[in-house]
Amino acid sequence: MKSFTNCLVVLLLFLGISPQDASTTTLYNNEHKLKMVVEVFHDLEFKKVENIKLFISHKKSSMNTDLEYRTYKKLFNNELKERNYVIVDDRDEADFILEFEYGIDERVKSINYPVYRYTRKDDNIIYQKKRDNFEFKIKTTSPRKRILIGYKTFRDVTYHRYLNVDIFSSDNLLKVYQAKVGSEGKINSLPYVMNGLVHGLFIDFPGNSSSINLYELPEDIYNPNAYQKKQNLNMESLMRRRN
């Protein structure tokens, strides 16, 4: 795998493509910052009201026993309890019903990268052919030392991770709050980023209605366990090199 990676980098350099630009060839899926967009609409204001009772459910009630859902529900529990909301297990006891769903989609697009031919310092001939007494040359007047000869198309894949949340009044089941959290990145794992998506939703909750907020969370916030593991691996690698 390492030799393949080295060959790939050499090929990109030969084509005049910066490996930093070629996101399709990225072999590391870590996102140092989780970027997300939070869209909110609501017609309620209960920021300063305490002891509001909430019942939490998946939008599809049949998913309430799913292990993945139950894991994410704990994230909601923690965020809401920190804001003095009370989580109840009986829907009939709740003042409001919070429902959420989540998912991940693959998004593919084609990107054209320039391909250059590098010339020597005084070389301005990009094509030359001789036959008998006939000589044909194509020259460039470009002052640069590289010449654009075409484009290379790469397939770029990103992943859209999303979280949708609705809150209903238990009295009349009227929707009083709705929010969407979306994030695009290279990590093809919803559990890896879900803590960040839920946290982003509650940075300003319930927030201003009809608002769109952009947030960036470092990895030590949105996935502290993964961040710590990487730090430990880096430290172990450093110690091995020293020894």
Protein backbone atom coordinates (compact mmCIF):
# COMPACT_ATOMS: atom_id res chain seq x y z
CA MET A 1 0.00 0.00 0.00
CA LYS A 2 2.85 2.39 0.87
CA SER A 3 4.60 1.79 -2.47
CA PHE A 4 1.27 2.36 -4.26
CA THR A 5 0.83 5.67 -2.44
CA ASN A 6 4.35 6.79 -3.35
CA CYS A 7 3.78 5.91 -7.01
CA LEU A 8 0.51 7.81 -6.96
CA VAL A 9 2.15 10.94 -5.58
CA VAL A 10 4.93 10.73 -8.19
CA LEU A 11 2.31 10.38 -10.93
CA LEU A 12 0.45 13.44 -9.70
CA LEU A 13 3.64 15.48 -9.60
CA PHE A 14 4.52 14.31 -13.10
CA LEU A 15 1.11 15.50 -14.30
CA GLY A 16 1.54 18.82 -12.55
CA ILE A 17 -1.16 18.11 -9.96
CA SER A 18 -0.65 19.03 -6.33
CA PRO A 19 -1.47 16.09 -4.02
CA GLN A 20 -3.01 18.60 -1.59
CA ASP A 21 -5.51 19.56 -4.28
CA ALA A 22 -6.39 16.03 -5.33
CA SER A 23 -8.90 15.24 -2.62
CA THR A 24 -9.90 12.07 -4.44
CA THR A 25 -6.51 10.56 -3.64
CA THR A 26 -6.62 11.36 0.06
CA LEU A 27 -5.90 8.18 1.99
CA TYR A 28 -6.58 9.69 5.40
CA ASN A 29 -10.19 10.34 6.35
CA ASN A 30 -9.58 12.38 9.49
CA GLU A 31 -11.33 15.74 9.63
CA HIS A 32 -9.51 18.07 11.98
CA LYS A 33 -12.59 20.30 12.01
CA LEU A 34 -16.17 19.20 11.56
CA LYS A 35 -17.99 21.84 9.53
CA MET A 36 -21.77 21.94 9.74
CA VAL A 37 -24.78 24.00 8.77
CA VAL A 38 -27.70 24.29 11.23
CA GLU A 39 -31.06 25.53 9.92
CA VAL A 40 -33.77 26.33 12.49
CA PHE A 41 -37.46 27.29 12.34
CA HIS A 42 -39.70 27.58 15.39
CA ASP A 43 -42.53 29.55 16.97
CA LEU A 44 -41.70 29.07 20.62
CA GLU A 45 -39.40 30.61 23.17
CA PHE A 46 -38.62 28.44 26.17
CA LYS A 47 -35.00 29.32 26.80
CA LYS A 48 -35.60 30.53 30.35
CA VAL A 49 -38.28 28.01 31.33
CA GLU A 50 -37.07 25.10 33.46
CA ASN A 51 -38.42 21.60 34.06
CA ILE A 52 -40.09 21.24 30.67
CA LYS A 53 -40.81 17.55 30.10
CA LEU A 54 -39.69 16.03 26.80
CA PHE A 55 -40.34 12.62 25.30
CA ILE A 56 -37.72 11.57 22.74
CA SER A 57 -38.44 9.25 19.83
CA HIS A 58 -37.19 8.31 16.38
CA LYS A 59 -39.40 9.68 13.59
CA LYS A 60 -40.19 6.05 12.87
CA SER A 61 -41.31 4.63 16.20
CA SER A 62 -40.34 1.13 15.09
CA MET A 63 -36.69 2.29 15.27
CA ASN A 64 -36.86 3.08 18.99
CA THR A 65 -35.36 -0.28 19.89
CA ASP A 66 -32.49 0.09 17.40
CA LEU A 67 -29.10 0.15 19.13
CA GLU A 68 -27.74 2.95 16.96
CA TYR A 69 -30.78 5.11 17.73
CA ARG A 70 -30.49 4.44 21.46
CA THR A 71 -26.85 5.51 21.35
CA TYR A 72 -27.72 8.81 19.71
CA LYS A 73 -30.66 9.31 22.08
CA LYS A 74 -28.18 9.42 24.97
CA LEU A 75 -26.46 12.37 23.28
CA PHE A 76 -29.79 14.23 23.20
CA ASN A 77 -30.45 13.31 26.83
CA ASN A 78 -27.12 14.77 27.93
CA GLU A 79 -27.53 18.02 25.99
CA LEU A 80 -31.12 18.57 27.17
CA LYS A 81 -30.45 17.75 30.81
CA GLU A 82 -27.61 20.29 30.84
CA ARG A 83 -30.25 22.87 29.88
CA ASN A 84 -32.63 21.80 32.67
CA TYR A 85 -35.10 19.89 30.50
CA VAL A 86 -36.65 16.76 31.97
CA ILE A 87 -36.62 13.57 29.87
CA VAL A 88 -39.62 11.29 30.46
CA ASP A 89 -40.22 7.72 29.26
CA ASP A 90 -43.99 8.09 28.97
CA ARG A 91 -45.29 10.08 26.02
CA ASP A 92 -48.45 11.01 27.97
CA GLU A 93 -46.39 12.76 30.66
CA ALA A 94 -44.52 14.99 28.22
CA ASP A 95 -45.08 18.68 27.49
CA PHE A 96 -43.33 18.28 24.15
CA ILE A 97 -42.36 15.37 21.90
CA LEU A 98 -38.95 15.48 20.24
CA GLU A 99 -38.45 13.28 17.17
CA PHE A 100 -35.27 12.92 15.17
CA GLU A 101 -33.83 11.00 12.24
CA TYR A 102 -30.36 10.75 10.74
CA GLY A 103 -28.52 9.40 7.73
CA ILE A 104 -25.54 9.59 5.42
CA ASP A 105 -25.46 10.02 1.63
CA GLU A 106 -22.63 9.63 -0.85
CA ARG A 107 -22.07 12.56 -3.19
CA VAL A 108 -19.93 12.16 -6.28
CA LYS A 109 -18.68 14.88 -8.59
CA SER A 110 -16.07 15.10 -11.33
CA ILE A 111 -13.22 17.57 -10.99
CA ASN A 112 -10.91 18.60 -13.81
CA TYR A 113 -7.29 19.13 -12.84
CA PRO A 114 -4.81 20.81 -15.17
CA VAL A 115 -2.05 18.70 -16.72
CA TYR A 116 1.23 20.48 -17.46
CA ARG A 117 4.35 19.71 -19.45
CA TYR A 118 7.42 21.13 -17.76
CA THR A 119 10.04 22.76 -19.98
CA ARG A 120 13.70 23.51 -19.45
CA LYS A 121 14.74 27.06 -18.68
CA ASP A 122 15.24 28.10 -22.32
CA ASP A 123 13.02 25.49 -23.92
CA ASN A 124 9.95 26.99 -25.61
CA ILE A 125 9.34 24.16 -28.09
CA ILE A 126 6.37 22.00 -27.12
CA TYR A 127 6.27 19.91 -30.33
CA GLN A 128 8.91 19.16 -32.94
CA LYS A 129 9.06 16.75 -35.89
CA LYS A 130 11.70 16.33 -38.60
CA ARG A 131 11.35 14.48 -41.89
CA ASP A 132 13.96 14.72 -44.65
CA ASN A 133 14.59 18.42 -45.10
CA PHE A 134 11.31 19.42 -43.48
CA GLU A 135 11.13 20.50 -39.86
CA PHE A 136 7.94 21.32 -38.00
CA LYS A 137 7.93 23.12 -34.63
CA ILE A 138 5.32 24.46 -32.25
CA LYS A 139 6.60 27.04 -29.81
CA THR A 140 5.13 28.81 -26.81
CA THR A 141 5.55 32.41 -25.82
CA SER A 142 4.56 31.67 -22.23
CA PRO A 143 7.15 33.00 -19.74
CA ARG A 144 6.37 30.19 -17.34
CA LYS A 145 8.38 27.01 -17.17
CA ARG A 146 5.34 24.78 -17.53
CA ILE A 147 2.82 24.49 -20.34
CA LEU A 148 -0.82 23.50 -20.01
CA ILE A 149 -1.44 20.56 -22.31
CA GLY A 150 -4.85 19.39 -21.11
CA TYR A 151 -6.97 18.30 -18.17
CA LYS A 152 -7.32 15.13 -16.13
CA THR A 153 -10.70 14.23 -14.67
CA PHE A 154 -10.90 12.78 -11.17
CA ARG A 155 -13.87 11.32 -9.34
CA ASP A 156 -14.31 13.14 -6.04
CA VAL A 157 -16.43 11.51 -3.31
CA THR A 158 -17.74 13.26 -0.22
CA TYR A 159 -20.33 12.21 2.33
CA HIS A 160 -23.31 14.23 3.49
CA ARG A 161 -24.12 13.45 7.14
CA TYR A 162 -27.43 14.83 8.37
CA LEU A 163 -29.63 15.08 11.45
CA ASN A 164 -33.27 16.24 11.32
CA VAL A 165 -35.17 17.21 14.49
CA ASP A 166 -38.83 18.13 15.06
CA ILE A 167 -40.58 19.09 18.30
CA PHE A 168 -44.37 18.84 18.73
CA SER A 169 -46.66 20.14 21.43
CA SER A 170 -48.18 17.15 23.21
CA ASP A 171 -51.53 18.97 23.57
CA ASN A 172 -52.40 19.23 19.87
CA LEU A 173 -49.37 17.62 18.13
CA LEU A 174 -48.68 20.99 16.47
CA LYS A 175 -45.08 21.24 15.27
CA VAL A 176 -43.37 24.07 17.15
CA TYR A 177 -39.73 23.48 16.20
CA GLN A 178 -37.81 22.01 13.29
CA ALA A 179 -34.11 21.92 12.57
CA LYS A 180 -31.69 20.40 10.08
CA VAL A 181 -28.01 19.80 10.72
CA GLY A 182 -25.87 18.94 7.70
CA SER A 183 -22.17 18.30 7.26
CA GLU A 184 -20.09 17.27 4.25
CA GLY A 185 -16.74 15.59 4.59
CA LYS A 186 -14.55 12.61 3.83
CA ILE A 187 -15.54 10.49 6.82
CA ASN A 188 -17.95 7.77 5.74
CA SER A 189 -19.16 7.09 9.28
CA LEU A 190 -22.20 8.60 10.92
CA PRO A 191 -21.30 7.42 14.46
CA TYR A 192 -17.90 9.12 14.09
CA VAL A 193 -19.47 12.57 13.67
CA MET A 194 -22.88 12.28 15.35
CA ASN A 195 -21.71 13.68 18.68
CA GLY A 196 -20.65 16.81 16.80
CA LEU A 197 -23.93 17.11 14.88
CA VAL A 198 -25.99 16.88 18.09
CA HIS A 199 -23.68 19.30 19.88
CA GLY A 200 -23.94 21.76 16.98
CA LEU A 201 -27.73 21.69 17.23
CA PHE A 202 -27.56 22.76 20.89
CA ILE A 203 -24.89 25.45 20.60
CA ASP A 204 -27.73 27.97 20.40
CA PHE A 205 -30.99 26.24 21.31
CA PRO A 206 -33.69 26.92 20.33
CA GLY A 207 -32.00 29.89 18.66
CA ASN A 208 -33.50 32.49 16.38
CA SER A 209 -36.21 31.27 14.05
CA SER A 210 -35.50 31.25 10.30
CA SER A 211 -31.77 31.29 10.98
CA ILE A 212 -28.86 29.50 9.35
CA ASN A 213 -25.76 29.00 11.47
CA LEU A 214 -22.32 27.75 10.45
CA TYR A 215 -20.16 25.98 13.02
CA GLU A 216 -16.74 24.34 13.11
CA LEU A 217 -15.83 21.87 15.84
CA PRO A 218 -12.31 20.50 16.40
CA GLU A 219 -11.92 16.76 16.62
CA ASP A 220 -11.23 16.83 20.36
CA ILE A 221 -14.78 18.20 20.78
CA TYR A 222 -16.81 16.25 18.22
CA ASN A 223 -15.04 12.91 18.80
CA PRO A 224 -12.76 13.13 21.85
CA ASN A 225 -12.20 9.35 21.99
CA ALA A 226 -10.84 9.19 18.44
CA TYR A 227 -8.76 12.31 19.05
CA GLN A 228 -7.19 10.80 22.17
CA LYS A 229 -6.43 7.52 20.39
CA LYS A 230 -4.59 9.41 17.65
CA GLN A 231 -2.63 11.36 20.23
CA ASN A 232 -1.65 8.12 21.96
CA LEU A 233 -0.59 6.52 18.67
CA ASN A 234 1.48 9.57 17.79
CA MET A 235 3.16 9.46 21.19
CA GLU A 236 3.90 5.73 20.86
CA SER A 237 5.35 6.30 17.40
CA LEU A 238 7.53 9.11 18.72
CA MET A 239 8.79 6.95 21.58
CA ARG A 240 9.66 4.10 19.21
CA ARG A 241 11.68 6.44 17.01
CA ARG A 242 13.55 7.74 20.02
CA ASN A 243 14.37 4.21 21.16
